[in-house]
């Protein structure tokens, strides 16, 4: 299963400049997902991180992996987000940054479900550029009612 940006926008509540998933390349509900983020010099954070050598902030790479995980959990659970719920980080373990991500890179985000229990989803995640790992982490996320 694949998704273009129009389908992603129906599944994620994020919008520019924080939407960090451009395309779903592969999706196996209940198991795994692979997405793509095109990293361009036009990203607003590059003006300050860093002007002399633009590098994608690590926290935004983690956010891109969490958005990818959210897509997988929504499709797996047969749900879409609504105005009465928010998908939150519940934890980040073992985050390791292996290489910088720069303008012009294509960030490939691979997420697999490790387990789910009591509304908490745990994922194994990896982001790579050109086959080389940029960051990897175990993420925990949960959907919570708001308002």
C-alpha atoms as a PDB file:
ATOM      1  CA  UNK A   1       0.000   0.000   0.000  1.00  0.00           C
ATOM      2  CA  UNK A   2       1.281   3.462  -0.898  1.00  0.00           C
ATOM      3  CA  UNK A   3       0.059   6.980  -0.095  1.00  0.00           C
ATOM      4  CA  UNK A   4       0.685  10.307  -1.764  1.00  0.00           C
ATOM      5  CA  UNK A   5       0.712  13.643   0.054  1.00  0.00           C
ATOM      6  CA  UNK A   6      -3.052  14.118  -0.384  1.00  0.00           C
ATOM      7  CA  UNK A   7      -3.792  10.819   1.361  1.00  0.00           C
ATOM      8  CA  UNK A   8      -1.246  11.600   4.109  1.00  0.00           C
ATOM      9  CA  UNK A   9      -3.008  14.920   4.778  1.00  0.00           C
ATOM     10  CA  UNK A  10      -6.237  13.001   5.478  1.00  0.00           C
ATOM     11  CA  UNK A  11      -4.451  10.828   8.055  1.00  0.00           C
ATOM     12  CA  UNK A  12      -2.148  13.272   9.868  1.00  0.00           C
ATOM     13  CA  UNK A  13      -3.280  16.514  11.517  1.00  0.00           C
ATOM     14  CA  UNK A  14       0.146  18.126  10.944  1.00  0.00           C
ATOM     15  CA  UNK A  15       0.573  20.883   8.374  1.00  0.00           C
ATOM     16  CA  UNK A  16       3.438  23.006   7.067  1.00  0.00           C
ATOM     17  CA  UNK A  17       5.973  23.634   8.497  1.00  0.00           C
ATOM     18  CA  UNK A  18       5.765  20.608  10.834  1.00  0.00           C
ATOM     19  CA  UNK A  19       4.434  17.965   8.412  1.00  0.00           C
ATOM     20  CA  UNK A  20       7.552  15.853   7.852  1.00  0.00           C
ATOM     21  CA  UNK A  21       6.310  12.962   5.684  1.00  0.00           C
ATOM     22  CA  UNK A  22       6.000  13.456   1.919  1.00  0.00           C
ATOM     23  CA  UNK A  23       5.103   9.970   0.703  1.00  0.00           C
ATOM     24  CA  UNK A  24       4.358   6.445   1.940  1.00  0.00           C
ATOM     25  CA  UNK A  25       6.501   4.041  -0.095  1.00  0.00           C
ATOM     26  CA  UNK A  26       5.409   0.775   1.562  1.00  0.00           C
ATOM     27  CA  UNK A  27       2.801  -0.061   4.176  1.00  0.00           C
ATOM     28  CA  UNK A  28       2.002  -3.425   5.732  1.00  0.00           C
ATOM     29  CA  UNK A  29      -0.790  -2.744   8.267  1.00  0.00           C
ATOM     30  CA  UNK A  30      -0.074  -4.230  11.686  1.00  0.00           C
ATOM     31  CA  UNK A  31       3.611  -4.631  10.861  1.00  0.00           C
ATOM     32  CA  UNK A  32       5.650  -1.922   9.156  1.00  0.00           C
ATOM     33  CA  UNK A  33       5.807   1.221   7.065  1.00  0.00           C
ATOM     34  CA  UNK A  34       8.409   3.011   4.934  1.00  0.00           C
ATOM     35  CA  UNK A  35       8.048   6.717   4.166  1.00  0.00           C
ATOM     36  CA  UNK A  36      10.020   9.452   2.451  1.00  0.00           C
ATOM     37  CA  UNK A  37      10.886  13.006   3.499  1.00  0.00           C
ATOM     38  CA  UNK A  38      12.515  15.183   0.846  1.00  0.00           C
ATOM     39  CA  UNK A  39      14.870  17.516   2.690  1.00  0.00           C
ATOM     40  CA  UNK A  40      15.120  20.863   0.877  1.00  0.00           C
ATOM     41  CA  UNK A  41      17.050  24.056   1.518  1.00  0.00           C
ATOM     42  CA  UNK A  42      13.656  25.817   1.756  1.00  0.00           C
ATOM     43  CA  UNK A  43      12.939  24.224   5.164  1.00  0.00           C
ATOM     44  CA  UNK A  44      12.489  27.091   7.655  1.00  0.00           C
ATOM     45  CA  UNK A  45      14.878  25.646  10.266  1.00  0.00           C
ATOM     46  CA  UNK A  46      17.891  25.770   7.927  1.00  0.00           C
ATOM     47  CA  UNK A  47      18.215  29.555   8.264  1.00  0.00           C
ATOM     48  CA  UNK A  48      19.336  29.074  11.864  1.00  0.00           C
ATOM     49  CA  UNK A  49      20.553  25.435  12.019  1.00  0.00           C
ATOM     50  CA  UNK A  50      23.226  26.223  10.867  1.00  0.00           C
ATOM     51  CA  UNK A  51      23.670  29.175   8.465  1.00  0.00           C
ATOM     52  CA  UNK A  52      27.216  28.133   7.522  1.00  0.00           C
ATOM     53  CA  UNK A  53      26.401  24.394   7.235  1.00  0.00           C
ATOM     54  CA  UNK A  54      22.663  23.523   7.139  1.00  0.00           C
ATOM     55  CA  UNK A  55      21.810  20.344   9.086  1.00  0.00           C
ATOM     56  CA  UNK A  56      18.344  18.929   9.824  1.00  0.00           C
ATOM     57  CA  UNK A  57      17.765  19.041  13.605  1.00  0.00           C
ATOM     58  CA  UNK A  58      17.773  15.617  15.244  1.00  0.00           C
ATOM     59  CA  UNK A  59      14.525  16.335  17.052  1.00  0.00           C
ATOM     60  CA  UNK A  60      12.816  16.849  13.675  1.00  0.00           C
ATOM     61  CA  UNK A  61      14.141  13.514  12.431  1.00  0.00           C
ATOM     62  CA  UNK A  62      12.570  11.917  15.518  1.00  0.00           C
ATOM     63  CA  UNK A  63       9.339  13.805  14.807  1.00  0.00           C
ATOM     64  CA  UNK A  64       9.345  12.492  11.209  1.00  0.00           C
ATOM     65  CA  UNK A  65       9.696   8.958  12.570  1.00  0.00           C
ATOM     66  CA  UNK A  66       6.817   9.592  15.028  1.00  0.00           C
ATOM     67  CA  UNK A  67       4.599  10.875  12.202  1.00  0.00           C
ATOM     68  CA  UNK A  68       5.446   7.750  10.233  1.00  0.00           C
ATOM     69  CA  UNK A  69       4.546   5.646  13.286  1.00  0.00           C
ATOM     70  CA  UNK A  70       1.251   7.536  13.609  1.00  0.00           C
ATOM     71  CA  UNK A  71       0.362   6.717   9.999  1.00  0.00           C
ATOM     72  CA  UNK A  72       1.061   3.036  10.668  1.00  0.00           C
ATOM     73  CA  UNK A  73      -1.011   2.989  13.861  1.00  0.00           C
ATOM     74  CA  UNK A  74      -3.966   4.828  12.274  1.00  0.00           C
ATOM     75  CA  UNK A  75      -4.089   2.449   9.300  1.00  0.00           C
ATOM     76  CA  UNK A  76      -3.557  -0.593  11.551  1.00  0.00           C
ATOM     77  CA  UNK A  77      -6.344   0.480  13.900  1.00  0.00           C
ATOM     78  CA  UNK A  78      -8.661   1.534  11.085  1.00  0.00           C
ATOM     79  CA  UNK A  79      -8.914   5.046  12.570  1.00  0.00           C
ATOM     80  CA  UNK A  80      -8.237   8.583  11.481  1.00  0.00           C
ATOM     81  CA  UNK A  81      -7.381  11.399  13.866  1.00  0.00           C
ATOM     82  CA  UNK A  82     -10.104  13.877  14.764  1.00  0.00           C
ATOM     83  CA  UNK A  83     -10.394  17.210  16.568  1.00  0.00           C
ATOM     84  CA  UNK A  84     -10.988  15.430  19.881  1.00  0.00           C
ATOM     85  CA  UNK A  85      -7.756  13.429  19.974  1.00  0.00           C
ATOM     86  CA  UNK A  86      -4.011  13.985  19.682  1.00  0.00           C
ATOM     87  CA  UNK A  87      -1.251  11.466  18.997  1.00  0.00           C
ATOM     88  CA  UNK A  88       1.556  12.107  21.514  1.00  0.00           C
ATOM     89  CA  UNK A  89       5.083  10.893  22.168  1.00  0.00           C
ATOM     90  CA  UNK A  90       5.093   8.744  25.321  1.00  0.00           C
ATOM     91  CA  UNK A  91       8.822   7.975  25.230  1.00  0.00           C
ATOM     92  CA  UNK A  92      12.020   7.874  23.216  1.00  0.00           C
ATOM     93  CA  UNK A  93      14.636   5.256  24.064  1.00  0.00           C
ATOM     94  CA  UNK A  94      18.039   4.518  22.609  1.00  0.00           C
ATOM     95  CA  UNK A  95      18.134   7.410  20.149  1.00  0.00           C
ATOM     96  CA  UNK A  96      21.442   7.350  18.267  1.00  0.00           C
ATOM     97  CA  UNK A  97      22.438   9.860  15.629  1.00  0.00           C
ATOM     98  CA  UNK A  98      24.868   8.407  13.097  1.00  0.00           C
ATOM     99  CA  UNK A  99      25.184  11.013  10.342  1.00  0.00           C
ATOM    100  CA  UNK A 100      23.956  14.522   9.527  1.00  0.00           C
ATOM    101  CA  UNK A 101      21.020  15.047   7.186  1.00  0.00           C
ATOM    102  CA  UNK A 102      21.506  17.959   4.789  1.00  0.00           C
ATOM    103  CA  UNK A 103      19.522  19.786   2.101  1.00  0.00           C
ATOM    104  CA  UNK A 104      19.110  17.601  -0.970  1.00  0.00           C
ATOM    105  CA  UNK A 105      18.943  14.369   1.030  1.00  0.00           C
ATOM    106  CA  UNK A 106      16.020  11.972   0.826  1.00  0.00           C
ATOM    107  CA  UNK A 107      15.293  10.731   4.327  1.00  0.00           C
ATOM    108  CA  UNK A 108      13.831   7.217   4.273  1.00  0.00           C
ATOM    109  CA  UNK A 109      11.900   6.396   7.442  1.00  0.00           C
ATOM    110  CA  UNK A 110      11.382   2.755   8.423  1.00  0.00           C
ATOM    111  CA  UNK A 111       9.069   1.927  11.322  1.00  0.00           C
ATOM    112  CA  UNK A 112       7.976  -1.461  12.647  1.00  0.00           C
ATOM    113  CA  UNK A 113       5.516  -2.179  15.440  1.00  0.00           C
ATOM    114  CA  UNK A 114       7.333  -3.749  18.370  1.00  0.00           C
ATOM    115  CA  UNK A 115       4.237  -4.114  20.555  1.00  0.00           C
ATOM    116  CA  UNK A 116       1.043  -2.427  21.663  1.00  0.00           C
ATOM    117  CA  UNK A 117      -0.537  -2.594  25.102  1.00  0.00           C
ATOM    118  CA  UNK A 118      -3.131  -0.491  26.935  1.00  0.00           C
ATOM    119  CA  UNK A 119      -3.170   2.159  24.218  1.00  0.00           C
ATOM    120  CA  UNK A 120       0.624   2.569  24.159  1.00  0.00           C
ATOM    121  CA  UNK A 121       2.345   1.693  20.893  1.00  0.00           C
ATOM    122  CA  UNK A 122       6.056   0.835  20.848  1.00  0.00           C
ATOM    123  CA  UNK A 123       7.978   1.080  17.581  1.00  0.00           C
ATOM    124  CA  UNK A 124      11.451   0.286  16.281  1.00  0.00           C
ATOM    125  CA  UNK A 125      12.462   3.150  14.003  1.00  0.00           C
ATOM    126  CA  UNK A 126      15.298   4.003  11.642  1.00  0.00           C
ATOM    127  CA  UNK A 127      15.886   6.935   9.331  1.00  0.00           C
ATOM    128  CA  UNK A 128      18.448   6.588   6.567  1.00  0.00           C
ATOM    129  CA  UNK A 129      19.978   8.484   3.675  1.00  0.00           C
ATOM    130  CA  UNK A 130      21.424   6.576   0.735  1.00  0.00           C
ATOM    131  CA  UNK A 131      21.186   3.307   2.702  1.00  0.00           C
ATOM    132  CA  UNK A 132      23.242   4.647   5.629  1.00  0.00           C
ATOM    133  CA  UNK A 133      21.609   5.090   9.023  1.00  0.00           C
ATOM    134  CA  UNK A 134      21.091   8.711  10.080  1.00  0.00           C
ATOM    135  CA  UNK A 135      19.190   8.011  13.321  1.00  0.00           C
ATOM    136  CA  UNK A 136      17.581   5.073  15.070  1.00  0.00           C
ATOM    137  CA  UNK A 137      15.399   4.938  18.170  1.00  0.00           C
ATOM    138  CA  UNK A 138      12.648   3.072  19.978  1.00  0.00           C
ATOM    139  CA  UNK A 139       9.564   5.280  20.159  1.00  0.00           C
ATOM    140  CA  UNK A 140       6.464   5.008  22.309  1.00  0.00           C
ATOM    141  CA  UNK A 141       3.322   6.874  21.288  1.00  0.00           C
ATOM    142  CA  UNK A 142      -0.280   7.074  22.432  1.00  0.00           C
ATOM    143  CA  UNK A 143      -3.564   8.553  21.244  1.00  0.00           C
ATOM    144  CA  UNK A 144      -5.288  10.711  23.875  1.00  0.00           C
ATOM    145  CA  UNK A 145      -8.630  12.483  23.965  1.00  0.00           C
ATOM    146  CA  UNK A 146      -8.443  16.256  24.390  1.00  0.00           C
ATOM    147  CA  UNK A 147     -10.958  18.992  25.204  1.00  0.00           C
END
